[in-house]
Amino acid sequence: MKEVTPEQVLELLNNKTNVNIIDVREDEEVATGMIPDAKHIPLGFVEASMDELDKEKDYIIVCRSGRRSANACMFLESEGFKVSNMVGGMLEWEGPTK
């Protein structure tokens, strides 16, 4: 599984790179703030939401600490998606939130 650090994600955003971020935390967690332009798909809904994703795009998967996003990455990878896990999750995110 590919991994990316919060610092690398912030650098991509700062460079205006087209980044596709999926936040798999629960509703009450994202209410405290999420990375701007991230798409919220709670982990329990990832499988049902696969038709909203494009297998030609690269996705960065985010959660609170990196564990749930790793699980989402393993599942999505097995379904043919190109994904990277943001290690450390939002606990280590120092960039802007919305």
PDB file of N, CA and C in Angstrom:
ATOM      1  N   MET A   1       0.846  -1.184   0.000  1.00  0.00           N
ATOM      2  CA  MET A   1       0.000   0.000   0.000  1.00  0.00           C
ATOM      3  C   MET A   1       0.889   1.245   0.000  1.00  0.00           C
ATOM      4  N   LYS A   2       0.553   2.174  -0.876  1.00  0.00           N
ATOM      5  CA  LYS A   2       1.283   3.434  -0.922  1.00  0.00           C
ATOM      6  C   LYS A   2       0.897   4.276   0.285  1.00  0.00           C
ATOM      7  N   GLU A   3       1.879   5.049   0.759  1.00  0.00           N
ATOM      8  CA  GLU A   3       1.635   5.943   1.879  1.00  0.00           C
ATOM      9  C   GLU A   3       2.128   7.336   1.532  1.00  0.00           C
ATOM     10  N   VAL A   4       1.487   8.314   2.122  1.00  0.00           N
ATOM     11  CA  VAL A   4       1.867   9.713   1.953  1.00  0.00           C
ATOM     12  C   VAL A   4       1.752  10.375   3.318  1.00  0.00           C
ATOM     13  N   THR A   5       2.638  11.312   3.600  1.00  0.00           N
ATOM     14  CA  THR A   5       2.599  11.999   4.894  1.00  0.00           C
ATOM     15  C   THR A   5       1.674  13.208   4.803  1.00  0.00           C
ATOM     16  N   PRO A   6       1.184  13.680   5.940  1.00  0.00           N
ATOM     17  CA  PRO A   6       0.385  14.911   5.932  1.00  0.00           C
ATOM     18  C   PRO A   6       1.152  16.079   5.310  1.00  0.00           C
ATOM     19  N   GLU A   7       2.457  16.135   5.547  1.00  0.00           N
ATOM     20  CA  GLU A   7       3.269  17.209   4.979  1.00  0.00           C
ATOM     21  C   GLU A   7       3.293  17.141   3.451  1.00  0.00           C
ATOM     22  N   GLN A   8       3.373  15.920   2.915  1.00  0.00           N
ATOM     23  CA  GLN A   8       3.359  15.758   1.458  1.00  0.00           C
ATOM     24  C   GLN A   8       2.012  16.166   0.870  1.00  0.00           C
ATOM     25  N   VAL A   9       0.926  15.838   1.562  1.00  0.00           N
ATOM     26  CA  VAL A   9      -0.404  16.225   1.093  1.00  0.00           C
ATOM     27  C   VAL A   9      -0.533  17.742   1.108  1.00  0.00           C
ATOM     28  N   LEU A  10      -0.075  18.371   2.169  1.00  0.00           N
ATOM     29  CA  LEU A  10      -0.125  19.835   2.259  1.00  0.00           C
ATOM     30  C   LEU A  10       0.686  20.477   1.136  1.00  0.00           C
ATOM     31  N   GLU A  11       1.844  19.907   0.841  1.00  0.00           N
ATOM     32  CA  GLU A  11       2.677  20.431  -0.249  1.00  0.00           C
ATOM     33  C   GLU A  11       1.941  20.315  -1.588  1.00  0.00           C
ATOM     34  N   LEU A  12       1.284  19.188  -1.828  1.00  0.00           N
ATOM     35  CA  LEU A  12       0.500  19.020  -3.060  1.00  0.00           C
ATOM     36  C   LEU A  12      -0.589  20.085  -3.156  1.00  0.00           C
ATOM     37  N   LEU A  13      -1.282  20.315  -2.045  1.00  0.00           N
ATOM     38  CA  LEU A  13      -2.347  21.322  -2.028  1.00  0.00           C
ATOM     39  C   LEU A  13      -1.787  22.726  -2.246  1.00  0.00           C
ATOM     40  N   ASN A  14      -0.668  23.019  -1.595  1.00  0.00           N
ATOM     41  CA  ASN A  14      -0.051  24.341  -1.732  1.00  0.00           C
ATOM     42  C   ASN A  14       0.438  24.594  -3.154  1.00  0.00           C
ATOM     43  N   ASN A  15       0.831  23.529  -3.849  1.00  0.00           N
ATOM     44  CA  ASN A  15       1.301  23.643  -5.234  1.00  0.00           C
ATOM     45  C   ASN A  15       0.147  23.605  -6.230  1.00  0.00           C
ATOM     46  N   LYS A  16      -1.077  23.612  -5.701  1.00  0.00           N
ATOM     47  CA  LYS A  16      -2.290  23.586  -6.541  1.00  0.00           C
ATOM     48  C   LYS A  16      -2.361  22.331  -7.419  1.00  0.00           C
ATOM     49  N   THR A  17      -1.725  21.250  -6.945  1.00  0.00           N
ATOM     50  CA  THR A  17      -1.802  19.976  -7.647  1.00  0.00           C
ATOM     51  C   THR A  17      -3.223  19.445  -7.509  1.00  0.00           C
ATOM     52  N   ASN A  18      -3.738  18.854  -8.566  1.00  0.00           N
ATOM     53  CA  ASN A  18      -5.071  18.262  -8.508  1.00  0.00           C
ATOM     54  C   ASN A  18      -5.019  17.029  -7.606  1.00  0.00           C
ATOM     55  N   VAL A  19      -5.583  17.149  -6.422  1.00  0.00           N
ATOM     56  CA  VAL A  19      -5.527  16.083  -5.427  1.00  0.00           C
ATOM     57  C   VAL A  19      -6.949  15.621  -5.119  1.00  0.00           C
ATOM     58  N   ASN A  20      -7.148  14.319  -5.099  1.00  0.00           N
ATOM     59  CA  ASN A  20      -8.448  13.733  -4.767  1.00  0.00           C
ATOM     60  C   ASN A  20      -8.340  13.096  -3.387  1.00  0.00           C
ATOM     61  N   ILE A  21      -8.931  13.745  -2.400  1.00  0.00           N
ATOM     62  CA  ILE A  21      -8.844  13.277  -1.014  1.00  0.00           C
ATOM     63  C   ILE A  21     -10.204  12.749  -0.584  1.00  0.00           C
ATOM     64  N   ILE A  22     -10.181  11.585   0.036  1.00  0.00           N
ATOM     65  CA  ILE A  22     -11.398  11.002   0.599  1.00  0.00           C
ATOM     66  C   ILE A  22     -11.200  10.852   2.095  1.00  0.00           C
ATOM     67  N   ASP A  23     -12.094  11.443   2.864  1.00  0.00           N
ATOM     68  CA  ASP A  23     -12.061  11.376   4.327  1.00  0.00           C
ATOM     69  C   ASP A  23     -13.058  10.314   4.766  1.00  0.00           C
ATOM     70  N   VAL A  24     -12.568   9.252   5.407  1.00  0.00           N
ATOM     71  CA  VAL A  24     -13.431   8.127   5.784  1.00  0.00           C
ATOM     72  C   VAL A  24     -13.867   8.171   7.251  1.00  0.00           C
ATOM     73  N   ARG A  25     -13.680   9.317   7.907  1.00  0.00           N
ATOM     74  CA  ARG A  25     -14.118   9.434   9.302  1.00  0.00           C
ATOM     75  C   ARG A  25     -15.640   9.546   9.372  1.00  0.00           C
ATOM     76  N   GLU A  26     -16.147   9.428  10.582  1.00  0.00           N
ATOM     77  CA  GLU A  26     -17.589   9.521  10.814  1.00  0.00           C
ATOM     78  C   GLU A  26     -18.032  10.994  10.807  1.00  0.00           C
ATOM     79  N   ASP A  27     -19.336  11.199  10.680  1.00  0.00           N
ATOM     80  CA  ASP A  27     -19.905  12.548  10.585  1.00  0.00           C
ATOM     81  C   ASP A  27     -19.449  13.463  11.717  1.00  0.00           C
ATOM     82  N   GLU A  28     -19.504  12.969  12.948  1.00  0.00           N
ATOM     83  CA  GLU A  28     -19.144  13.813  14.088  1.00  0.00           C
ATOM     84  C   GLU A  28     -17.656  14.167  14.076  1.00  0.00           C
ATOM     85  N   GLU A  29     -16.829  13.333  13.462  1.00  0.00           N
ATOM     86  CA  GLU A  29     -15.399  13.635  13.372  1.00  0.00           C
ATOM     87  C   GLU A  29     -15.135  14.721  12.334  1.00  0.00           C
ATOM     88  N   VAL A  30     -15.766  14.619  11.165  1.00  0.00           N
ATOM     89  CA  VAL A  30     -15.529  15.634  10.134  1.00  0.00           C
ATOM     90  C   VAL A  30     -16.150  16.972  10.525  1.00  0.00           C
ATOM     91  N   ALA A  31     -17.109  16.955  11.438  1.00  0.00           N
ATOM     92  CA  ALA A  31     -17.709  18.203  11.909  1.00  0.00           C
ATOM     93  C   ALA A  31     -16.667  19.074  12.616  1.00  0.00           C
ATOM     94  N   THR A  32     -15.605  18.472  13.117  1.00  0.00           N
ATOM     95  CA  THR A  32     -14.543  19.222  13.788  1.00  0.00           C
ATOM     96  C   THR A  32     -13.571  19.834  12.793  1.00  0.00           C
ATOM     97  N   GLY A  33     -13.723  19.504  11.518  1.00  0.00           N
ATOM     98  CA  GLY A  33     -12.876  20.055  10.468  1.00  0.00           C
ATOM     99  C   GLY A  33     -12.279  18.971   9.597  1.00  0.00           C
ATOM    100  N   MET A  34     -12.249  19.272   8.294  1.00  0.00           N
ATOM    101  CA  MET A  34     -11.628  18.342   7.362  1.00  0.00           C
ATOM    102  C   MET A  34     -10.809  19.118   6.341  1.00  0.00           C
ATOM    103  N   ILE A  35      -9.974  18.423   5.619  1.00  0.00           N
ATOM    104  CA  ILE A  35      -9.123  19.057   4.618  1.00  0.00           C
ATOM    105  C   ILE A  35     -10.031  19.669   3.542  1.00  0.00           C
ATOM    106  N   PRO A  36      -9.788  20.939   3.189  1.00  0.00           N
ATOM    107  CA  PRO A  36     -10.624  21.571   2.168  1.00  0.00           C
ATOM    108  C   PRO A  36     -10.658  20.746   0.876  1.00  0.00           C
ATOM    109  N   ASP A  37     -11.828  20.657   0.272  1.00  0.00           N
ATOM    110  CA  ASP A  37     -12.073  19.926  -0.976  1.00  0.00           C
ATOM    111  C   ASP A  37     -12.021  18.403  -0.834  1.00  0.00           C
ATOM    112  N   ALA A  38     -11.851  17.901   0.390  1.00  0.00           N
ATOM    113  CA  ALA A  38     -11.909  16.449   0.584  1.00  0.00           C
ATOM    114  C   ALA A  38     -13.355  15.987   0.413  1.00  0.00           C
ATOM    115  N   LYS A  39     -13.517  14.785  -0.078  1.00  0.00           N
ATOM    116  CA  LYS A  39     -14.847  14.178  -0.218  1.00  0.00           C
ATOM    117  C   LYS A  39     -15.069  13.300   1.009  1.00  0.00           C
ATOM    118  N   HIS A  40     -16.196  13.470   1.665  1.00  0.00           N
ATOM    119  CA  HIS A  40     -16.491  12.686   2.863  1.00  0.00           C
ATOM    120  C   HIS A  40     -17.283  11.435   2.499  1.00  0.00           C
ATOM    121  N   ILE A  41     -16.657  10.280   2.727  1.00  0.00           N
ATOM    122  CA  ILE A  41     -17.334   8.994   2.576  1.00  0.00           C
ATOM    123  C   ILE A  41     -16.977   8.171   3.817  1.00  0.00           C
ATOM    124  N   PRO A  42     -17.875   8.090   4.809  1.00  0.00           N
ATOM    125  CA  PRO A  42     -17.562   7.304   6.004  1.00  0.00           C
ATOM    126  C   PRO A  42     -17.149   5.875   5.620  1.00  0.00           C
ATOM    127  N   LEU A  43     -16.231   5.312   6.383  1.00  0.00           N
ATOM    128  CA  LEU A  43     -15.674   3.993   6.060  1.00  0.00           C
ATOM    129  C   LEU A  43     -16.754   2.966   5.746  1.00  0.00           C
ATOM    130  N   GLY A  44     -17.832   2.944   6.513  1.00  0.00           N
ATOM    131  CA  GLY A  44     -18.898   1.968   6.311  1.00  0.00           C
ATOM    132  C   GLY A  44     -19.637   2.123   4.993  1.00  0.00           C
ATOM    133  N   PHE A  45     -19.416   3.243   4.298  1.00  0.00           N
ATOM    134  CA  PHE A  45     -20.106   3.512   3.034  1.00  0.00           C
ATOM    135  C   PHE A  45     -19.176   3.456   1.823  1.00  0.00           C
ATOM    136  N   VAL A  46     -17.902   3.124   2.051  1.00  0.00           N
ATOM    137  CA  VAL A  46     -16.935   3.129   0.948  1.00  0.00           C
ATOM    138  C   VAL A  46     -17.346   2.146  -0.150  1.00  0.00           C
ATOM    139  N   GLU A  47     -17.688   0.928   0.230  1.00  0.00           N
ATOM    140  CA  GLU A  47     -18.050  -0.070  -0.784  1.00  0.00           C
ATOM    141  C   GLU A  47     -19.265   0.381  -1.600  1.00  0.00           C
ATOM    142  N   ALA A  48     -20.267   0.907  -0.931  1.00  0.00           N
ATOM    143  CA  ALA A  48     -21.486   1.347  -1.614  1.00  0.00           C
ATOM    144  C   ALA A  48     -21.260   2.598  -2.455  1.00  0.00           C
ATOM    145  N   SER A  49     -20.167   3.314  -2.206  1.00  0.00           N
ATOM    146  CA  SER A  49     -19.895   4.569  -2.917  1.00  0.00           C
ATOM    147  C   SER A  49     -18.858   4.422  -4.026  1.00  0.00           C
ATOM    148  N   MET A  50     -18.428   3.205  -4.295  1.00  0.00           N
ATOM    149  CA  MET A  50     -17.377   3.008  -5.303  1.00  0.00           C
ATOM    150  C   MET A  50     -17.763   3.526  -6.675  1.00  0.00           C
ATOM    151  N   ASP A  51     -19.055   3.523  -6.997  1.00  0.00           N
ATOM    152  CA  ASP A  51     -19.479   3.990  -8.316  1.00  0.00           C
ATOM    153  C   ASP A  51     -19.292   5.504  -8.477  1.00  0.00           C
ATOM    154  N   GLU A  52     -19.034   6.208  -7.374  1.00  0.00           N
ATOM    155  CA  GLU A  52     -18.767   7.644  -7.426  1.00  0.00           C
ATOM    156  C   GLU A  52     -17.285   7.942  -7.688  1.00  0.00           C
ATOM    157  N   LEU A  53     -16.455   6.894  -7.670  1.00  0.00           N
ATOM    158  CA  LEU A  53     -15.009   7.058  -7.818  1.00  0.00           C
ATOM    159  C   LEU A  53     -14.569   6.624  -9.206  1.00  0.00           C
ATOM    160  N   ASP A  54     -13.433   7.144  -9.637  1.00  0.00           N
ATOM    161  CA  ASP A  54     -12.893   6.885 -10.965  1.00  0.00           C
ATOM    162  C   ASP A  54     -11.586   6.102 -10.830  1.00  0.00           C
ATOM    163  N   LYS A  55     -11.524   4.918 -11.421  1.00  0.00           N
ATOM    164  CA  LYS A  55     -10.323   4.091 -11.318  1.00  0.00           C
ATOM    165  C   LYS A  55      -9.122   4.687 -12.035  1.00  0.00           C
ATOM    166  N   GLU A  56      -9.344   5.724 -12.842  1.00  0.00           N
ATOM    167  CA  GLU A  56      -8.240   6.395 -13.542  1.00  0.00           C
ATOM    168  C   GLU A  56      -7.590   7.478 -12.681  1.00  0.00           C
ATOM    169  N   LYS A  57      -8.228   7.848 -11.571  1.00  0.00           N
ATOM    170  CA  LYS A  57      -7.708   8.901 -10.697  1.00  0.00           C
ATOM    171  C   LYS A  57      -6.952   8.293  -9.518  1.00  0.00           C
ATOM    172  N   ASP A  58      -6.049   9.093  -8.964  1.00  0.00           N
ATOM    173  CA  ASP A  58      -5.343   8.728  -7.739  1.00  0.00           C
ATOM    174  C   ASP A  58      -6.074   9.361  -6.565  1.00  0.00           C
ATOM    175  N   TYR A  59      -6.232   8.598  -5.491  1.00  0.00           N
ATOM    176  CA  TYR A  59      -6.922   9.088  -4.304  1.00  0.00           C
ATOM    177  C   TYR A  59      -6.012   8.999  -3.085  1.00  0.00           C
ATOM    178  N   ILE A  60      -6.132   9.993  -2.218  1.00  0.00           N
ATOM    179  CA  ILE A  60      -5.482   9.963  -0.910  1.00  0.00           C
ATOM    180  C   ILE A  60      -6.593   9.743   0.103  1.00  0.00           C
ATOM    181  N   ILE A  61      -6.447   8.707   0.923  1.00  0.00           N
ATOM    182  CA  ILE A  61      -7.473   8.348   1.891  1.00  0.00           C
ATOM    183  C   ILE A  61      -7.018   8.815   3.274  1.00  0.00           C
ATOM    184  N   VAL A  62      -7.942   9.476   3.991  1.00  0.00           N
ATOM    185  CA  VAL A  62      -7.640  10.117   5.267  1.00  0.00           C
ATOM    186  C   VAL A  62      -8.630   9.655   6.339  1.00  0.00           C
ATOM    187  N   CYS A  63      -8.126   9.478   7.562  1.00  0.00           N
ATOM    188  CA  CYS A  63      -9.004   9.265   8.720  1.00  0.00           C
ATOM    189  C   CYS A  63      -8.383   9.993   9.908  1.00  0.00           C
ATOM    190  N   ARG A  64      -8.733   9.607  11.097  1.00  0.00           N
ATOM    191  CA  ARG A  64      -8.224  10.286  12.292  1.00  0.00           C
ATOM    192  C   ARG A  64      -6.744   9.995  12.515  1.00  0.00           C
ATOM    193  N   SER A  65      -6.364   8.699  12.464  1.00  0.00           N
ATOM    194  CA  SER A  65      -4.987   8.331  12.789  1.00  0.00           C
ATOM    195  C   SER A  65      -4.259   7.579  11.684  1.00  0.00           C
ATOM    196  N   GLY A  66      -4.981   7.087  10.692  1.00  0.00           N
ATOM    197  CA  GLY A  66      -4.352   6.333   9.615  1.00  0.00           C
ATOM    198  C   GLY A  66      -4.749   4.866   9.560  1.00  0.00           C
ATOM    199  N   ARG A  67      -5.420   4.379  10.586  1.00  0.00           N
ATOM    200  CA  ARG A  67      -5.794   2.962  10.630  1.00  0.00           C
ATOM    201  C   ARG A  67      -7.005   2.656   9.742  1.00  0.00           C
ATOM    202  N   ARG A  68      -8.077   3.415   9.896  1.00  0.00           N
ATOM    203  CA  ARG A  68      -9.263   3.187   9.059  1.00  0.00           C
ATOM    204  C   ARG A  68      -8.970   3.484   7.601  1.00  0.00           C
ATOM    205  N   SER A  69      -8.175   4.526   7.359  1.00  0.00           N
ATOM    206  CA  SER A  69      -7.830   4.847   5.975  1.00  0.00           C
ATOM    207  C   SER A  69      -6.984   3.730   5.367  1.00  0.00           C
ATOM    208  N   ALA A  70      -6.146   3.080   6.171  1.00  0.00           N
ATOM    209  CA  ALA A  70      -5.378   1.930   5.670  1.00  0.00           C
ATOM    210  C   ALA A  70      -6.320   0.806   5.277  1.00  0.00           C
ATOM    211  N   ASN A  71      -7.342   0.560   6.087  1.00  0.00           N
ATOM    212  CA  ASN A  71      -8.332  -0.475   5.751  1.00  0.00           C
ATOM    213  C   ASN A  71      -9.069  -0.123   4.460  1.00  0.00           C
ATOM    214  N   ALA A  72      -9.457   1.149   4.323  1.00  0.00           N
ATOM    215  CA  ALA A  72     -10.135   1.592   3.108  1.00  0.00           C
ATOM    216  C   ALA A  72      -9.214   1.435   1.900  1.00  0.00           C
ATOM    217  N   CYS A  73      -7.936   1.757   2.071  1.00  0.00           N
ATOM    218  CA  CYS A  73      -6.969   1.618   0.977  1.00  0.00           C
ATOM    219  C   CYS A  73      -6.841   0.163   0.545  1.00  0.00           C
ATOM    220  N   MET A  74      -6.729  -0.739   1.511  1.00  0.00           N
ATOM    221  CA  MET A  74      -6.600  -2.160   1.158  1.00  0.00           C
ATOM    222  C   MET A  74      -7.815  -2.623   0.364  1.00  0.00           C
ATOM    223  N   PHE A  75      -9.002  -2.229   0.801  1.00  0.00           N
ATOM    224  CA  PHE A  75     -10.218  -2.631   0.098  1.00  0.00           C
ATOM    225  C   PHE A  75     -10.255  -2.021  -1.305  1.00  0.00           C
ATOM    226  N   LEU A  76     -10.041  -0.708  -1.407  1.00  0.00           N
ATOM    227  CA  LEU A  76     -10.128  -0.040  -2.698  1.00  0.00           C
ATOM    228  C   LEU A  76      -9.058  -0.539  -3.664  1.00  0.00           C
ATOM    229  N   GLU A  77      -7.861  -0.812  -3.149  1.00  0.00           N
ATOM    230  CA  GLU A  77      -6.805  -1.386  -3.986  1.00  0.00           C
ATOM    231  C   GLU A  77      -7.241  -2.730  -4.561  1.00  0.00           C
ATOM    232  N   SER A  78      -7.881  -3.535  -3.724  1.00  0.00           N
ATOM    233  CA  SER A  78      -8.329  -4.856  -4.180  1.00  0.00           C
ATOM    234  C   SER A  78      -9.407  -4.742  -5.253  1.00  0.00           C
ATOM    235  N   GLU A  79     -10.060  -3.583  -5.326  1.00  0.00           N
ATOM    236  CA  GLU A  79     -11.101  -3.338  -6.325  1.00  0.00           C
ATOM    237  C   GLU A  79     -10.552  -2.596  -7.551  1.00  0.00           C
ATOM    238  N   GLY A  80      -9.238  -2.383  -7.577  1.00  0.00           N
ATOM    239  CA  GLY A  80      -8.611  -1.773  -8.748  1.00  0.00           C
ATOM    240  C   GLY A  80      -8.418  -0.275  -8.701  1.00  0.00           C
ATOM    241  N   PHE A  81      -8.601   0.352  -7.542  1.00  0.00           N
ATOM    242  CA  PHE A  81      -8.415   1.795  -7.422  1.00  0.00           C
ATOM    243  C   PHE A  81      -6.977   2.117  -7.042  1.00  0.00           C
ATOM    244  N   LYS A  82      -6.518   3.315  -7.451  1.00  0.00           N
ATOM    245  CA  LYS A  82      -5.181   3.796  -7.131  1.00  0.00           C
ATOM    246  C   LYS A  82      -5.294   4.693  -5.899  1.00  0.00           C
ATOM    247  N   VAL A  83      -4.793   4.217  -4.774  1.00  0.00           N
ATOM    248  CA  VAL A  83      -4.965   4.925  -3.512  1.00  0.00           C
ATOM    249  C   VAL A  83      -3.662   5.004  -2.727  1.00  0.00           C
ATOM    250  N   SER A  84      -3.580   6.024  -1.885  1.00  0.00           N
ATOM    251  CA  SER A  84      -2.476   6.191  -0.940  1.00  0.00           C
ATOM    252  C   SER A  84      -3.077   6.506   0.418  1.00  0.00           C
ATOM    253  N   ASN A  85      -2.488   5.964   1.451  1.00  0.00           N
ATOM    254  CA  ASN A  85      -2.936   6.205   2.819  1.00  0.00           C
ATOM    255  C   ASN A  85      -2.161   7.374   3.412  1.00  0.00           C
ATOM    256  N   MET A  86      -2.876   8.366   3.970  1.00  0.00           N
ATOM    257  CA  MET A  86      -2.195   9.458   4.665  1.00  0.00           C
ATOM    258  C   MET A  86      -1.877   8.979   6.080  1.00  0.00           C
ATOM    259  N   VAL A  87      -0.623   8.623   6.293  1.00  0.00           N
ATOM    260  CA  VAL A  87      -0.191   8.098   7.585  1.00  0.00           C
ATOM    261  C   VAL A  87      -0.285   9.185   8.651  1.00  0.00           C
ATOM    262  N   GLY A  88      -0.686   8.789   9.841  1.00  0.00           N
ATOM    263  CA  GLY A  88      -0.829   9.750  10.929  1.00  0.00           C
ATOM    264  C   GLY A  88      -2.174  10.455  10.947  1.00  0.00           C
ATOM    265  N   GLY A  89      -2.862  10.421   9.818  1.00  0.00           N
ATOM    266  CA  GLY A  89      -4.211  10.967   9.731  1.00  0.00           C
ATOM    267  C   GLY A  89      -4.327  12.414  10.152  1.00  0.00           C
ATOM    268  N   MET A  90      -5.545  12.783  10.514  1.00  0.00           N
ATOM    269  CA  MET A  90      -5.831  14.163  10.899  1.00  0.00           C
ATOM    270  C   MET A  90      -5.158  14.544  12.218  1.00  0.00           C
ATOM    271  N   LEU A  91      -4.739  13.563  13.004  1.00  0.00           N
ATOM    272  CA  LEU A  91      -4.014  13.875  14.234  1.00  0.00           C
ATOM    273  C   LEU A  91      -2.712  14.605  13.925  1.00  0.00           C
ATOM    274  N   GLU A  92      -2.122  14.317  12.756  1.00  0.00           N
ATOM    275  CA  GLU A  92      -0.854  14.934  12.385  1.00  0.00           C
ATOM    276  C   GLU A  92      -1.012  16.029  11.331  1.00  0.00           C
ATOM    277  N   TRP A  93      -2.244  16.303  10.911  1.00  0.00           N
ATOM    278  CA  TRP A  93      -2.490  17.321   9.888  1.00  0.00           C
ATOM    279  C   TRP A  93      -2.301  18.712  10.475  1.00  0.00           C
ATOM    280  N   GLU A  94      -1.436  19.515   9.854  1.00  0.00           N
ATOM    281  CA  GLU A  94      -1.205  20.883  10.329  1.00  0.00           C
ATOM    282  C   GLU A  94      -1.662  21.919   9.315  1.00  0.00           C
ATOM    283  N   GLY A  95      -2.309  21.462   8.236  1.00  0.00           N
ATOM    284  CA  GLY A  95      -2.769  22.371   7.208  1.00  0.00           C
ATOM    285  C   GLY A  95      -4.155  22.925   7.552  1.00  0.00           C
ATOM    286  N   PRO A  96      -4.725  23.668   6.613  1.00  0.00           N
ATOM    287  CA  PRO A  96      -6.046  24.261   6.843  1.00  0.00           C
ATOM    288  C   PRO A  96      -7.147  23.212   6.879  1.00  0.00           C
ATOM    289  N   THR A  97      -8.218  23.553   7.563  1.00  0.00           N
ATOM    290  CA  THR A  97      -9.419  22.692   7.583  1.00  0.00           C
ATOM    291  C   THR A  97     -10.617  23.569   7.296  1.00  0.00           C
ATOM    292  N   LYS A  98     -11.696  22.904   6.901  1.00  0.00           N
ATOM    293  CA  LYS A  98     -12.942  23.656   6.664  1.00  0.00           C
ATOM    294  C   LYS A  98     -14.015  23.106   7.557  1.00  0.00           C
TER     295      LYS A  98
END
